[in-house]
Amino acid sequence: PLNCSSRMADETAGRLNMQNFLTKLWNDESGQDLVEYALLLALIAVAAIAVIGLLGGSIREVFTETQEELDGALAGEAT
């Protein structure tokens, strides 16, 4: 009988420890800022990829025209 009550006391203490742990974990907000920053960074990355996808052709044209102008200017200086 003494052994049985001791086991029940251990189980009750274990349950209370688990409840205390889960309550502290639920109320802990220390990592919340990190998660928010990670989500914000992911959103910015997705937006940047979408913008580059939409404007990629236009950006390529601007760089191609600039390169051609520079090549022309260098060729004119060489002669």
PDB file of N, CA and C in Angstrom:
ATOM      1  N   PRO A   1       0.816  -1.202   0.000  1.00  0.00           N
ATOM      2  CA  PRO A   1       0.000   0.000   0.000  1.00  0.00           C
ATOM      3  C   PRO A   1       0.853   1.256   0.000  1.00  0.00           C
ATOM      4  N   LEU A   2       1.950   1.254   0.724  1.00  0.00           N
ATOM      5  CA  LEU A   2       2.800   2.430   0.782  1.00  0.00           C
ATOM      6  C   LEU A   2       3.432   2.695  -0.587  1.00  0.00           C
ATOM      7  N   ASN A   3       3.776   1.620  -1.271  1.00  0.00           N
ATOM      8  CA  ASN A   3       4.382   1.739  -2.582  1.00  0.00           C
ATOM      9  C   ASN A   3       3.396   2.339  -3.590  1.00  0.00           C
ATOM     10  N   CYS A   4       2.138   1.963  -3.513  1.00  0.00           N
ATOM     11  CA  CYS A   4       1.112   2.450  -4.429  1.00  0.00           C
ATOM     12  C   CYS A   4       0.884   3.948  -4.250  1.00  0.00           C
ATOM     13  N   SER A   5       0.790   4.427  -3.036  1.00  0.00           N
ATOM     14  CA  SER A   5       0.567   5.853  -2.803  1.00  0.00           C
ATOM     15  C   SER A   5       1.789   6.659  -3.210  1.00  0.00           C
ATOM     16  N   SER A   6       2.964   6.078  -3.045  1.00  0.00           N
ATOM     17  CA  SER A   6       4.186   6.757  -3.456  1.00  0.00           C
ATOM     18  C   SER A   6       4.210   6.931  -4.976  1.00  0.00           C
ATOM     19  N   ARG A   7       3.776   5.900  -5.683  1.00  0.00           N
ATOM     20  CA  ARG A   7       3.737   5.958  -7.147  1.00  0.00           C
ATOM     21  C   ARG A   7       2.724   6.998  -7.609  1.00  0.00           C
ATOM     22  N   MET A   8       1.559   7.063  -6.938  1.00  0.00           N
ATOM     23  CA  MET A   8       0.542   8.047  -7.297  1.00  0.00           C
ATOM     24  C   MET A   8       1.043   9.466  -7.042  1.00  0.00           C
ATOM     25  N   ALA A   9       1.785   9.639  -5.955  1.00  0.00           N
ATOM     26  CA  ALA A   9       2.336  10.960  -5.653  1.00  0.00           C
ATOM     27  C   ALA A   9       3.352  11.359  -6.714  1.00  0.00           C
ATOM     28  N   ASP A  10       4.169  10.407  -7.160  1.00  0.00           N
ATOM     29  CA  ASP A  10       5.145  10.688  -8.208  1.00  0.00           C
ATOM     30  C   ASP A  10       4.447  11.052  -9.520  1.00  0.00           C
ATOM     31  N   GLU A  11       3.371  10.328  -9.850  1.00  0.00           N
ATOM     32  CA  GLU A  11       2.638  10.616 -11.087  1.00  0.00           C
ATOM     33  C   GLU A  11       1.980  11.989 -11.016  1.00  0.00           C
ATOM     34  N   THR A  12       1.426  12.328  -9.872  1.00  0.00           N
ATOM     35  CA  THR A  12       0.789  13.635  -9.699  1.00  0.00           C
ATOM     36  C   THR A  12       1.829  14.746  -9.800  1.00  0.00           C
ATOM     37  N   ALA A  13       2.973  14.544  -9.165  1.00  0.00           N
ATOM     38  CA  ALA A  13       4.047  15.537  -9.230  1.00  0.00           C
ATOM     39  C   ALA A  13       4.545  15.688 -10.668  1.00  0.00           C
ATOM     40  N   GLY A  14       4.647  14.566 -11.370  1.00  0.00           N
ATOM     41  CA  GLY A  14       5.079  14.607 -12.769  1.00  0.00           C
ATOM     42  C   GLY A  14       4.081  15.353 -13.639  1.00  0.00           C
ATOM     43  N   ARG A  15       2.788  15.125 -13.394  1.00  0.00           N
ATOM     44  CA  ARG A  15       1.744  15.817 -14.146  1.00  0.00           C
ATOM     45  C   ARG A  15       1.789  17.317 -13.880  1.00  0.00           C
ATOM     46  N   LEU A  16       1.996  17.687 -12.610  1.00  0.00           N
ATOM     47  CA  LEU A  16       2.075  19.106 -12.267  1.00  0.00           C
ATOM     48  C   LEU A  16       3.299  19.757 -12.904  1.00  0.00           C
ATOM     49  N   ASN A  17       4.417  19.031 -12.906  1.00  0.00           N
ATOM     50  CA  ASN A  17       5.618  19.558 -13.559  1.00  0.00           C
ATOM     51  C   ASN A  17       5.387  19.763 -15.047  1.00  0.00           C
ATOM     52  N   MET A  18       4.697  18.826 -15.688  1.00  0.00           N
ATOM     53  CA  MET A  18       4.410  18.936 -17.114  1.00  0.00           C
ATOM     54  C   MET A  18       3.455  20.101 -17.369  1.00  0.00           C
ATOM     55  N   GLN A  19       2.452  20.260 -16.507  1.00  0.00           N
ATOM     56  CA  GLN A  19       1.528  21.379 -16.661  1.00  0.00           C
ATOM     57  C   GLN A  19       2.255  22.707 -16.490  1.00  0.00           C
ATOM     58  N   ASN A  20       3.145  22.787 -15.507  1.00  0.00           N
ATOM     59  CA  ASN A  20       3.922  24.011 -15.300  1.00  0.00           C
ATOM     60  C   ASN A  20       4.806  24.300 -16.513  1.00  0.00           C
ATOM     61  N   PHE A  21       5.419  23.261 -17.042  1.00  0.00           N
ATOM     62  CA  PHE A  21       6.277  23.425 -18.216  1.00  0.00           C
ATOM     63  C   PHE A  21       5.478  23.922 -19.416  1.00  0.00           C
ATOM     64  N   LEU A  22       4.329  23.299 -19.662  1.00  0.00           N
ATOM     65  CA  LEU A  22       3.509  23.700 -20.807  1.00  0.00           C
ATOM     66  C   LEU A  22       2.954  25.108 -20.630  1.00  0.00           C
ATOM     67  N   THR A  23       2.588  25.467 -19.406  1.00  0.00           N
ATOM     68  CA  THR A  23       2.095  26.822 -19.147  1.00  0.00           C
ATOM     69  C   THR A  23       3.193  27.849 -19.403  1.00  0.00           C
ATOM     70  N   LYS A  24       4.393  27.572 -18.927  1.00  0.00           N
ATOM     71  CA  LYS A  24       5.518  28.491 -19.161  1.00  0.00           C
ATOM     72  C   LYS A  24       5.837  28.579 -20.654  1.00  0.00           C
ATOM     73  N   LEU A  25       5.805  27.446 -21.334  1.00  0.00           N
ATOM     74  CA  LEU A  25       6.090  27.426 -22.766  1.00  0.00           C
ATOM     75  C   LEU A  25       5.039  28.224 -23.529  1.00  0.00           C
ATOM     76  N   TRP A  26       3.782  28.073 -23.161  1.00  0.00           N
ATOM     77  CA  TRP A  26       2.686  28.777 -23.824  1.00  0.00           C
ATOM     78  C   TRP A  26       2.802  30.290 -23.618  1.00  0.00           C
ATOM     79  N   ASN A  27       3.202  30.711 -22.426  1.00  0.00           N
ATOM     80  CA  ASN A  27       3.279  32.126 -22.099  1.00  0.00           C
ATOM     81  C   ASN A  27       4.608  32.769 -22.497  1.00  0.00           C
ATOM     82  N   ASP A  28       5.587  31.951 -22.857  1.00  0.00           N
ATOM     83  CA  ASP A  28       6.913  32.473 -23.208  1.00  0.00           C
ATOM     84  C   ASP A  28       6.848  33.129 -24.580  1.00  0.00           C
ATOM     85  N   GLU A  29       7.247  34.379 -24.663  1.00  0.00           N
ATOM     86  CA  GLU A  29       7.220  35.119 -25.920  1.00  0.00           C
ATOM     87  C   GLU A  29       8.615  35.524 -26.367  1.00  0.00           C
ATOM     88  N   SER A  30       9.638  34.933 -25.808  1.00  0.00           N
ATOM     89  CA  SER A  30      10.998  35.359 -26.114  1.00  0.00           C
ATOM     90  C   SER A  30      11.390  35.071 -27.562  1.00  0.00           C
ATOM     91  N   GLY A  31      10.897  34.008 -28.153  1.00  0.00           N
ATOM     92  CA  GLY A  31      11.237  33.688 -29.534  1.00  0.00           C
ATOM     93  C   GLY A  31      10.272  34.250 -30.546  1.00  0.00           C
ATOM     94  N   GLN A  32       9.250  34.937 -30.080  1.00  0.00           N
ATOM     95  CA  GLN A  32       8.210  35.445 -30.968  1.00  0.00           C
ATOM     96  C   GLN A  32       8.765  36.477 -31.939  1.00  0.00           C
ATOM     97  N   ASP A  33       9.628  37.363 -31.490  1.00  0.00           N
ATOM     98  CA  ASP A  33      10.190  38.378 -32.369  1.00  0.00           C
ATOM     99  C   ASP A  33      10.992  37.748 -33.495  1.00  0.00           C
ATOM    100  N   LEU A  34      11.747  36.721 -33.197  1.00  0.00           N
ATOM    101  CA  LEU A  34      12.548  36.048 -34.203  1.00  0.00           C
ATOM    102  C   LEU A  34      11.660  35.438 -35.282  1.00  0.00           C
ATOM    103  N   VAL A  35      10.569  34.821 -34.877  1.00  0.00           N
ATOM    104  CA  VAL A  35       9.639  34.224 -35.844  1.00  0.00           C
ATOM    105  C   VAL A  35       9.018  35.309 -36.708  1.00  0.00           C
ATOM    106  N   GLU A  36       8.640  36.427 -36.100  1.00  0.00           N
ATOM    107  CA  GLU A  36       8.049  37.523 -36.867  1.00  0.00           C
ATOM    108  C   GLU A  36       9.043  38.074 -37.886  1.00  0.00           C
ATOM    109  N   TYR A  37      10.299  38.241 -37.493  1.00  0.00           N
ATOM    110  CA  TYR A  37      11.309  38.730 -38.425  1.00  0.00           C
ATOM    111  C   TYR A  37      11.539  37.725 -39.558  1.00  0.00           C
ATOM    112  N   ALA A  38      11.536  36.450 -39.246  1.00  0.00           N
ATOM    113  CA  ALA A  38      11.720  35.428 -40.276  1.00  0.00           C
ATOM    114  C   ALA A  38      10.563  35.450 -41.269  1.00  0.00           C
ATOM    115  N   LEU A  39       9.342  35.583 -40.781  1.00  0.00           N
ATOM    116  CA  LEU A  39       8.190  35.665 -41.675  1.00  0.00           C
ATOM    117  C   LEU A  39       8.242  36.921 -42.533  1.00  0.00           C
ATOM    118  N   LEU A  40       8.641  38.025 -41.945  1.00  0.00           N
ATOM    119  CA  LEU A  40       8.760  39.267 -42.700  1.00  0.00           C
ATOM    120  C   LEU A  40       9.836  39.143 -43.784  1.00  0.00           C
ATOM    121  N   LEU A  41      10.953  38.536 -43.442  1.00  0.00           N
ATOM    122  CA  LEU A  41      12.026  38.321 -44.415  1.00  0.00           C
ATOM    123  C   LEU A  41      11.556  37.428 -45.560  1.00  0.00           C
ATOM    124  N   ALA A  42      10.816  36.382 -45.237  1.00  0.00           N
ATOM    125  CA  ALA A  42      10.285  35.491 -46.273  1.00  0.00           C
ATOM    126  C   ALA A  42       9.317  36.235 -47.183  1.00  0.00           C
ATOM    127  N   LEU A  43       8.472  37.076 -46.614  1.00  0.00           N
ATOM    128  CA  LEU A  43       7.525  37.857 -47.413  1.00  0.00           C
ATOM    129  C   LEU A  43       8.259  38.820 -48.348  1.00  0.00           C
ATOM    130  N   ILE A  44       9.293  39.467 -47.842  1.00  0.00           N
ATOM    131  CA  ILE A  44      10.079  40.380 -48.679  1.00  0.00           C
ATOM    132  C   ILE A  44      10.770  39.615 -49.809  1.00  0.00           C
ATOM    133  N   ALA A  45      11.288  38.431 -49.496  1.00  0.00           N
ATOM    134  CA  ALA A  45      11.953  37.622 -50.519  1.00  0.00           C
ATOM    135  C   ALA A  45      10.978  37.210 -51.609  1.00  0.00           C
ATOM    136  N   VAL A  46       9.782  36.787 -51.225  1.00  0.00           N
ATOM    137  CA  VAL A  46       8.765  36.389 -52.212  1.00  0.00           C
ATOM    138  C   VAL A  46       8.379  37.586 -53.070  1.00  0.00           C
ATOM    139  N   ALA A  47       8.208  38.752 -52.448  1.00  0.00           N
ATOM    140  CA  ALA A  47       7.855  39.955 -53.200  1.00  0.00           C
ATOM    141  C   ALA A  47       8.968  40.332 -54.174  1.00  0.00           C
ATOM    142  N   ALA A  48      10.216  40.241 -53.734  1.00  0.00           N
ATOM    143  CA  ALA A  48      11.345  40.577 -54.605  1.00  0.00           C
ATOM    144  C   ALA A  48      11.420  39.618 -55.789  1.00  0.00           C
ATOM    145  N   ILE A  49      11.205  38.355 -55.549  1.00  0.00           N
ATOM    146  CA  ILE A  49      11.229  37.366 -56.636  1.00  0.00           C
ATOM    147  C   ILE A  49      10.109  37.647 -57.634  1.00  0.00           C
ATOM    148  N   ALA A  50       8.930  38.006 -57.125  1.00  0.00           N
ATOM    149  CA  ALA A  50       7.802  38.313 -58.012  1.00  0.00           C
ATOM    150  C   ALA A  50       8.097  39.547 -58.858  1.00  0.00           C
ATOM    151  N   VAL A  51       8.665  40.582 -58.243  1.00  0.00           N
ATOM    152  CA  VAL A  51       8.975  41.810 -58.982  1.00  0.00           C
ATOM    153  C   VAL A  51      10.045  41.550 -60.032  1.00  0.00           C
ATOM    154  N   ILE A  52      11.063  40.812 -59.670  1.00  0.00           N
ATOM    155  CA  ILE A  52      12.114  40.491 -60.643  1.00  0.00           C
ATOM    156  C   ILE A  52      11.540  39.661 -61.785  1.00  0.00           C
ATOM    157  N   GLY A  53      10.638  38.744 -61.463  1.00  0.00           N
ATOM    158  CA  GLY A  53      10.001  37.944 -62.513  1.00  0.00           C
ATOM    159  C   GLY A  53       9.186  38.796 -63.464  1.00  0.00           C
ATOM    160  N   LEU A  54       8.469  39.775 -62.921  1.00  0.00           N
ATOM    161  CA  LEU A  54       7.636  40.637 -63.757  1.00  0.00           C
ATOM    162  C   LEU A  54       8.457  41.652 -64.553  1.00  0.00           C
ATOM    163  N   LEU A  55       9.496  42.183 -63.951  1.00  0.00           N
ATOM    164  CA  LEU A  55      10.288  43.235 -64.586  1.00  0.00           C
ATOM    165  C   LEU A  55      11.591  42.734 -65.186  1.00  0.00           C
ATOM    166  N   GLY A  56      11.813  41.437 -65.144  1.00  0.00           N
ATOM    167  CA  GLY A  56      13.078  40.877 -65.612  1.00  0.00           C
ATOM    168  C   GLY A  56      13.416  41.253 -67.036  1.00  0.00           C
ATOM    169  N   GLY A  57      12.442  41.174 -67.940  1.00  0.00           N
ATOM    170  CA  GLY A  57      12.687  41.505 -69.346  1.00  0.00           C
ATOM    171  C   GLY A  57      13.058  42.966 -69.527  1.00  0.00           C
ATOM    172  N   SER A  58      12.352  43.854 -68.837  1.00  0.00           N
ATOM    173  CA  SER A  58      12.637  45.291 -68.936  1.00  0.00           C
ATOM    174  C   SER A  58      14.016  45.609 -68.393  1.00  0.00           C
ATOM    175  N   ILE A  59      14.362  45.010 -67.286  1.00  0.00           N
ATOM    176  CA  ILE A  59      15.682  45.236 -66.690  1.00  0.00           C
ATOM    177  C   ILE A  59      16.772  44.736 -67.628  1.00  0.00           C
ATOM    178  N   ARG A  60      16.554  43.585 -68.240  1.00  0.00           N
ATOM    179  CA  ARG A  60      17.536  43.029 -69.178  1.00  0.00           C
ATOM    180  C   ARG A  60      17.723  43.967 -70.367  1.00  0.00           C
ATOM    181  N   GLU A  61      16.636  44.551 -70.866  1.00  0.00           N
ATOM    182  CA  GLU A  61      16.728  45.479 -71.988  1.00  0.00           C
ATOM    183  C   GLU A  61      17.547  46.716 -71.625  1.00  0.00           C
ATOM    184  N   VAL A  62      17.339  47.254 -70.432  1.00  0.00           N
ATOM    185  CA  VAL A  62      18.078  48.436 -69.994  1.00  0.00           C
ATOM    186  C   VAL A  62      19.570  48.130 -69.943  1.00  0.00           C
ATOM    187  N   PHE A  63      19.939  46.992 -69.388  1.00  0.00           N
ATOM    188  CA  PHE A  63      21.353  46.646 -69.301  1.00  0.00           C
ATOM    189  C   PHE A  63      21.943  46.359 -70.679  1.00  0.00           C
ATOM    190  N   THR A  64      21.159  45.746 -71.554  1.00  0.00           N
ATOM    191  CA  THR A  64      21.643  45.459 -72.904  1.00  0.00           C
ATOM    192  C   THR A  64      21.881  46.755 -73.665  1.00  0.00           C
ATOM    193  N   GLU A  65      20.938  47.694 -73.554  1.00  0.00           N
ATOM    194  CA  GLU A  65      21.111  48.987 -74.232  1.00  0.00           C
ATOM    195  C   GLU A  65      22.318  49.738 -73.684  1.00  0.00           C
ATOM    196  N   THR A  66      22.489  49.700 -72.381  1.00  0.00           N
ATOM    197  CA  THR A  66      23.630  50.381 -71.763  1.00  0.00           C
ATOM    198  C   THR A  66      24.937  49.758 -72.223  1.00  0.00           C
ATOM    199  N   GLN A  67      24.969  48.431 -72.288  1.00  0.00           N
ATOM    200  CA  GLN A  67      26.176  47.749 -72.747  1.00  0.00           C
ATOM    201  C   GLN A  67      26.474  48.107 -74.194  1.00  0.00           C
ATOM    202  N   GLU A  68      25.451  48.153 -75.041  1.00  0.00           N
ATOM    203  CA  GLU A  68      25.662  48.481 -76.456  1.00  0.00           C
ATOM    204  C   GLU A  68      26.167  49.916 -76.604  1.00  0.00           C
ATOM    205  N   GLU A  69      25.629  50.854 -75.807  1.00  0.00           N
ATOM    206  CA  GLU A  69      26.085  52.235 -75.864  1.00  0.00           C
ATOM    207  C   GLU A  69      27.548  52.346 -75.425  1.00  0.00           C
ATOM    208  N   LEU A  70      27.877  51.630 -74.350  1.00  0.00           N
ATOM    209  CA  LEU A  70      29.266  51.638 -73.875  1.00  0.00           C
ATOM    210  C   LEU A  70      30.209  51.018 -74.896  1.00  0.00           C
ATOM    211  N   ASP A  71      29.778  49.909 -75.508  1.00  0.00           N
ATOM    212  CA  ASP A  71      30.607  49.278 -76.550  1.00  0.00           C
ATOM    213  C   ASP A  71      30.801  50.221 -77.713  1.00  0.00           C
ATOM    214  N   GLY A  72      29.729  50.934 -78.100  1.00  0.00           N
ATOM    215  CA  GLY A  72      29.826  51.893 -79.198  1.00  0.00           C
ATOM    216  C   GLY A  72      30.760  53.041 -78.854  1.00  0.00           C
ATOM    217  N   ALA A  73      30.661  53.533 -77.628  1.00  0.00           N
ATOM    218  CA  ALA A  73      31.520  54.644 -77.202  1.00  0.00           C
ATOM    219  C   ALA A  73      32.979  54.195 -77.152  1.00  0.00           C
ATOM    220  N   LEU A  74      33.243  53.000 -76.691  1.00  0.00           N
ATOM    221  CA  LEU A  74      34.610  52.491 -76.654  1.00  0.00           C
ATOM    222  C   LEU A  74      35.154  52.249 -78.051  1.00  0.00           C
ATOM    223  N   ALA A  75      34.296  51.765 -78.957  1.00  0.00           N
ATOM    224  CA  ALA A  75      34.731  51.536 -80.326  1.00  0.00           C
ATOM    225  C   ALA A  75      35.036  52.871 -81.004  1.00  0.00           C
ATOM    226  N   GLY A  76      34.276  53.923 -80.710  1.00  0.00           N
ATOM    227  CA  GLY A  76      34.515  55.240 -81.284  1.00  0.00           C
ATOM    228  C   GLY A  76      35.812  55.847 -80.771  1.00  0.00           C
ATOM    229  N   GLU A  77      36.155  55.585 -79.547  1.00  0.00           N
ATOM    230  CA  GLU A  77      37.404  56.110 -78.979  1.00  0.00           C
ATOM    231  C   GLU A  77      38.601  55.378 -79.540  1.00  0.00           C
ATOM    232  N   ALA A  78      38.431  54.122 -79.915  1.00  0.00           N
ATOM    233  CA  ALA A  78      39.559  53.319 -80.399  1.00  0.00           C
ATOM    234  C   ALA A  78      39.996  53.755 -81.787  1.00  0.00           C
ATOM    235  N   THR A  79      39.121  54.353 -82.566  1.00  0.00           N
ATOM    236  CA  THR A  79      39.495  54.727 -83.937  1.00  0.00           C
ATOM    237  C   THR A  79      40.138  56.071 -84.022  1.00  0.00           C
TER     238      THR A  79
END
